[in-house]
């Protein structure tokens, strides 16, 4: 029985370590993507002034459209907390 508990602790610690590694890798990937987007936007803004402002306006419109679609397609019978109604 003691060996099972020990093995469970080892497996648990290995799992936690793997989760931490995945979290760090995810954060690194997110940072790399952020730099890539910034570099692309900076480059495009140099070739076509105002590109970034136009991109952000289009992004805002797309986000509003997406939210409206979510609201429109929301199931009516869903249980939601009162502060989200």
N, C-alpha and C. Protein backbone atom coordinates (compact mmCIF):
# COMPACT_ATOMS: atom_id res chain seq x y z
N UNK A 1 0.82 -1.19 0.00
CA UNK A 1 0.00 0.00 0.00
C UNK A 1 0.86 1.26 0.00
N UNK A 2 1.95 1.21 0.73
CA UNK A 2 2.84 2.35 0.80
C UNK A 2 3.43 2.66 -0.56
N UNK A 3 3.76 1.61 -1.30
CA UNK A 3 4.34 1.82 -2.62
C UNK A 3 3.33 2.47 -3.56
N UNK A 4 2.06 2.13 -3.44
CA UNK A 4 1.03 2.75 -4.27
C UNK A 4 0.92 4.25 -3.98
N UNK A 5 0.93 4.60 -2.69
CA UNK A 5 0.87 6.02 -2.31
C UNK A 5 2.09 6.77 -2.83
N UNK A 6 3.24 6.15 -2.70
CA UNK A 6 4.48 6.77 -3.19
C UNK A 6 4.41 6.95 -4.70
N UNK A 7 3.96 5.92 -5.39
CA UNK A 7 3.85 5.98 -6.86
C UNK A 7 2.85 7.06 -7.28
N UNK A 8 1.75 7.17 -6.55
CA UNK A 8 0.76 8.21 -6.85
C UNK A 8 1.35 9.60 -6.67
N UNK A 9 2.15 9.79 -5.61
CA UNK A 9 2.79 11.09 -5.38
C UNK A 9 3.78 11.41 -6.49
N UNK A 10 4.52 10.40 -6.92
CA UNK A 10 5.49 10.60 -8.00
C UNK A 10 4.75 10.94 -9.29
N UNK A 11 3.70 10.18 -9.60
CA UNK A 11 2.92 10.45 -10.80
C UNK A 11 2.29 11.84 -10.75
N UNK A 12 1.80 12.20 -9.57
CA UNK A 12 1.18 13.51 -9.39
C UNK A 12 2.21 14.62 -9.62
N UNK A 13 3.40 14.47 -9.05
CA UNK A 13 4.42 15.50 -9.22
C UNK A 13 4.90 15.56 -10.67
N UNK A 14 5.00 14.41 -11.33
CA UNK A 14 5.38 14.41 -12.74
C UNK A 14 4.32 15.10 -13.59
N UNK A 15 3.07 14.84 -13.27
CA UNK A 15 1.97 15.47 -14.01
C UNK A 15 1.99 16.98 -13.81
N UNK A 16 2.20 17.41 -12.57
CA UNK A 16 2.28 18.85 -12.30
C UNK A 16 3.44 19.50 -13.04
N UNK A 17 4.58 18.82 -13.08
CA UNK A 17 5.74 19.35 -13.80
C UNK A 17 5.45 19.45 -15.30
N UNK A 18 4.80 18.43 -15.86
CA UNK A 18 4.44 18.47 -17.28
C UNK A 18 3.48 19.61 -17.57
N UNK A 19 2.51 19.83 -16.66
CA UNK A 19 1.58 20.95 -16.83
C UNK A 19 2.31 22.29 -16.79
N UNK A 20 3.26 22.41 -15.89
CA UNK A 20 4.04 23.66 -15.80
C UNK A 20 4.86 23.88 -17.07
N UNK A 21 5.44 22.81 -17.60
CA UNK A 21 6.21 22.92 -18.85
C UNK A 21 5.29 23.37 -19.98
N UNK A 22 4.10 22.76 -20.07
CA UNK A 22 3.16 23.15 -21.12
C UNK A 22 2.71 24.60 -20.98
N UNK A 23 2.50 25.04 -19.74
CA UNK A 23 2.10 26.44 -19.51
C UNK A 23 3.21 27.39 -19.97
N UNK A 24 4.45 27.06 -19.65
CA UNK A 24 5.58 27.92 -20.08
C UNK A 24 5.69 27.93 -21.60
N UNK A 25 5.56 26.77 -22.22
CA UNK A 25 5.64 26.69 -23.68
C UNK A 25 4.52 27.48 -24.33
N UNK A 26 3.32 27.40 -23.75
CA UNK A 26 2.19 28.15 -24.27
C UNK A 26 2.45 29.65 -24.17
N UNK A 27 3.01 30.07 -23.05
CA UNK A 27 3.32 31.49 -22.86
C UNK A 27 4.38 31.95 -23.86
N UNK A 28 5.38 31.12 -24.10
CA UNK A 28 6.42 31.45 -25.09
C UNK A 28 5.80 31.57 -26.48
N UNK A 29 4.94 30.64 -26.84
CA UNK A 29 4.29 30.69 -28.14
C UNK A 29 3.45 31.95 -28.28
N UNK A 30 2.70 32.28 -27.24
CA UNK A 30 1.88 33.48 -27.25
C UNK A 30 2.75 34.72 -27.46
N UNK A 31 3.88 34.79 -26.77
CA UNK A 31 4.79 35.94 -26.92
C UNK A 31 5.38 36.01 -28.32
N UNK A 32 5.73 34.86 -28.88
CA UNK A 32 6.27 34.83 -30.24
C UNK A 32 5.23 35.32 -31.23
N UNK A 33 3.99 34.85 -31.08
CA UNK A 33 2.93 35.29 -31.97
C UNK A 33 2.67 36.79 -31.84
N UNK A 34 2.74 37.30 -30.62
CA UNK A 34 2.54 38.74 -30.42
C UNK A 34 3.62 39.54 -31.13
N UNK A 35 4.87 39.09 -31.06
CA UNK A 35 5.96 39.77 -31.76
C UNK A 35 5.76 39.69 -33.27
N UNK A 36 5.33 38.52 -33.75
CA UNK A 36 5.08 38.36 -35.19
C UNK A 36 4.00 39.31 -35.68
N UNK A 37 2.92 39.42 -34.94
CA UNK A 37 1.82 40.32 -35.33
C UNK A 37 2.30 41.77 -35.30
N UNK A 38 3.05 42.12 -34.25
CA UNK A 38 3.55 43.48 -34.17
C UNK A 38 4.47 43.79 -35.35
N UNK A 39 5.37 42.86 -35.68
CA UNK A 39 6.31 43.08 -36.79
C UNK A 39 5.56 43.22 -38.12
N UNK A 40 4.55 42.39 -38.31
CA UNK A 40 3.76 42.47 -39.54
C UNK A 40 3.03 43.81 -39.62
N UNK A 41 2.40 44.20 -38.53
CA UNK A 41 1.67 45.47 -38.52
C UNK A 41 2.61 46.65 -38.72
N UNK A 42 3.75 46.61 -38.07
CA UNK A 42 4.74 47.70 -38.21
C UNK A 42 5.22 47.80 -39.66
N UNK A 43 5.52 46.66 -40.26
CA UNK A 43 5.98 46.64 -41.65
C UNK A 43 4.89 47.16 -42.58
N UNK A 44 3.67 46.67 -42.40
CA UNK A 44 2.57 47.10 -43.27
C UNK A 44 2.29 48.59 -43.09
N UNK A 45 2.40 49.09 -41.87
CA UNK A 45 2.16 50.51 -41.62
C UNK A 45 3.21 51.37 -42.31
N UNK A 46 4.43 50.85 -42.47
CA UNK A 46 5.46 51.60 -43.19
C UNK A 46 5.15 51.65 -44.69
N UNK A 47 4.64 50.55 -45.24
CA UNK A 47 4.32 50.51 -46.66
C UNK A 47 3.00 51.20 -46.98
N UNK A 48 2.06 51.09 -46.10
CA UNK A 48 0.75 51.69 -46.30
C UNK A 48 0.34 52.42 -45.02
N UNK A 49 0.67 53.72 -44.93
CA UNK A 49 0.35 54.47 -43.71
C UNK A 49 -1.15 54.38 -43.39
N UNK A 50 -1.44 54.19 -42.12
CA UNK A 50 -2.82 54.07 -41.68
C UNK A 50 -3.32 52.63 -41.66
N UNK A 51 -2.46 51.70 -42.05
CA UNK A 51 -2.87 50.30 -42.09
C UNK A 51 -3.33 49.81 -40.73
N UNK A 52 -2.56 50.13 -39.68
CA UNK A 52 -2.87 49.63 -38.35
C UNK A 52 -4.20 50.18 -37.85
N UNK A 53 -4.45 51.45 -38.08
CA UNK A 53 -5.72 52.05 -37.65
C UNK A 53 -6.89 51.39 -38.38
N UNK A 54 -6.75 51.16 -39.68
CA UNK A 54 -7.81 50.50 -40.44
C UNK A 54 -8.00 49.06 -39.97
N UNK A 55 -6.91 48.38 -39.69
CA UNK A 55 -6.99 47.01 -39.20
C UNK A 55 -7.75 46.95 -37.88
N UNK A 56 -7.44 47.86 -36.97
CA UNK A 56 -8.10 47.86 -35.67
C UNK A 56 -9.59 48.21 -35.79
N UNK A 57 -9.95 49.11 -36.71
CA UNK A 57 -11.37 49.42 -36.92
C UNK A 57 -12.10 48.18 -37.44
N UNK A 58 -11.49 47.49 -38.40
CA UNK A 58 -12.11 46.27 -38.93
C UNK A 58 -12.22 45.20 -37.85
N UNK A 59 -11.22 45.11 -37.02
CA UNK A 59 -11.23 44.12 -35.93
C UNK A 59 -12.36 44.43 -34.95
N UNK A 60 -12.55 45.70 -34.65
CA UNK A 60 -13.63 46.10 -33.74
C UNK A 60 -15.00 45.75 -34.33
N UNK A 61 -15.18 46.03 -35.63
CA UNK A 61 -16.44 45.68 -36.29
C UNK A 61 -16.67 44.17 -36.28
N UNK A 62 -15.64 43.41 -36.56
CA UNK A 62 -15.76 41.95 -36.58
C UNK A 62 -16.10 41.42 -35.18
N UNK A 63 -15.48 41.98 -34.15
CA UNK A 63 -15.76 41.55 -32.78
C UNK A 63 -17.20 41.86 -32.40
N UNK A 64 -17.70 43.03 -32.75
CA UNK A 64 -19.09 43.39 -32.46
C UNK A 64 -20.05 42.45 -33.19
N UNK A 65 -19.74 42.13 -34.44
CA UNK A 65 -20.57 41.21 -35.22
C UNK A 65 -20.57 39.83 -34.58
N UNK A 66 -19.40 39.39 -34.14
CA UNK A 66 -19.28 38.08 -33.49
C UNK A 66 -20.09 38.03 -32.20
N UNK A 67 -20.00 39.07 -31.38
CA UNK A 67 -20.76 39.11 -30.12
C UNK A 67 -22.25 39.13 -30.40
N UNK A 68 -22.68 39.90 -31.40
CA UNK A 68 -24.10 39.94 -31.74
C UNK A 68 -24.60 38.57 -32.20
N UNK A 69 -23.79 37.85 -32.96
CA UNK A 69 -24.16 36.50 -33.40
C UNK A 69 -24.26 35.55 -32.20
N UNK A 70 -23.33 35.68 -31.25
CA UNK A 70 -23.39 34.84 -30.05
C UNK A 70 -24.67 35.11 -29.27
N UNK A 71 -25.01 36.37 -29.13
CA UNK A 71 -26.22 36.74 -28.39
C UNK A 71 -27.45 36.24 -29.12
N UNK A 72 -27.47 36.40 -30.43
CA UNK A 72 -28.63 35.98 -31.23
C UNK A 72 -28.83 34.46 -31.17
N UNK A 73 -27.74 33.70 -31.16
CA UNK A 73 -27.82 32.24 -31.19
C UNK A 73 -27.79 31.61 -29.80
N UNK A 74 -27.85 32.42 -28.76
CA UNK A 74 -27.80 31.93 -27.39
C UNK A 74 -29.07 31.14 -27.08
N UNK A 75 -28.93 29.95 -26.49
CA UNK A 75 -30.12 29.20 -26.12
C UNK A 75 -30.90 29.91 -25.02
N UNK A 76 -32.23 29.90 -25.13
CA UNK A 76 -33.05 30.64 -24.16
C UNK A 76 -33.16 29.96 -22.81
N UNK A 77 -33.10 28.63 -22.77
CA UNK A 77 -33.30 27.90 -21.53
C UNK A 77 -32.04 27.71 -20.71
N UNK A 78 -30.95 28.35 -21.08
CA UNK A 78 -29.69 28.13 -20.36
C UNK A 78 -29.76 28.73 -18.96
N UNK A 79 -29.26 27.97 -18.00
CA UNK A 79 -29.17 28.47 -16.63
C UNK A 79 -27.97 29.40 -16.53
N UNK A 80 -28.24 30.63 -16.16
CA UNK A 80 -27.17 31.62 -16.05
C UNK A 80 -27.29 32.34 -14.71
N UNK A 81 -26.18 32.75 -14.18
CA UNK A 81 -26.24 33.54 -12.94
C UNK A 81 -26.98 34.84 -13.19
N UNK A 82 -27.66 35.39 -12.18
CA UNK A 82 -28.46 36.60 -12.36
C UNK A 82 -27.68 37.79 -12.89
N UNK A 83 -26.39 37.88 -12.55
CA UNK A 83 -25.61 39.05 -12.98
C UNK A 83 -25.24 38.98 -14.45
N UNK A 84 -25.52 37.85 -15.12
CA UNK A 84 -25.20 37.72 -16.55
C UNK A 84 -26.44 37.86 -17.44
N UNK A 85 -27.60 38.14 -16.85
CA UNK A 85 -28.83 38.28 -17.65
C UNK A 85 -28.90 39.62 -18.30
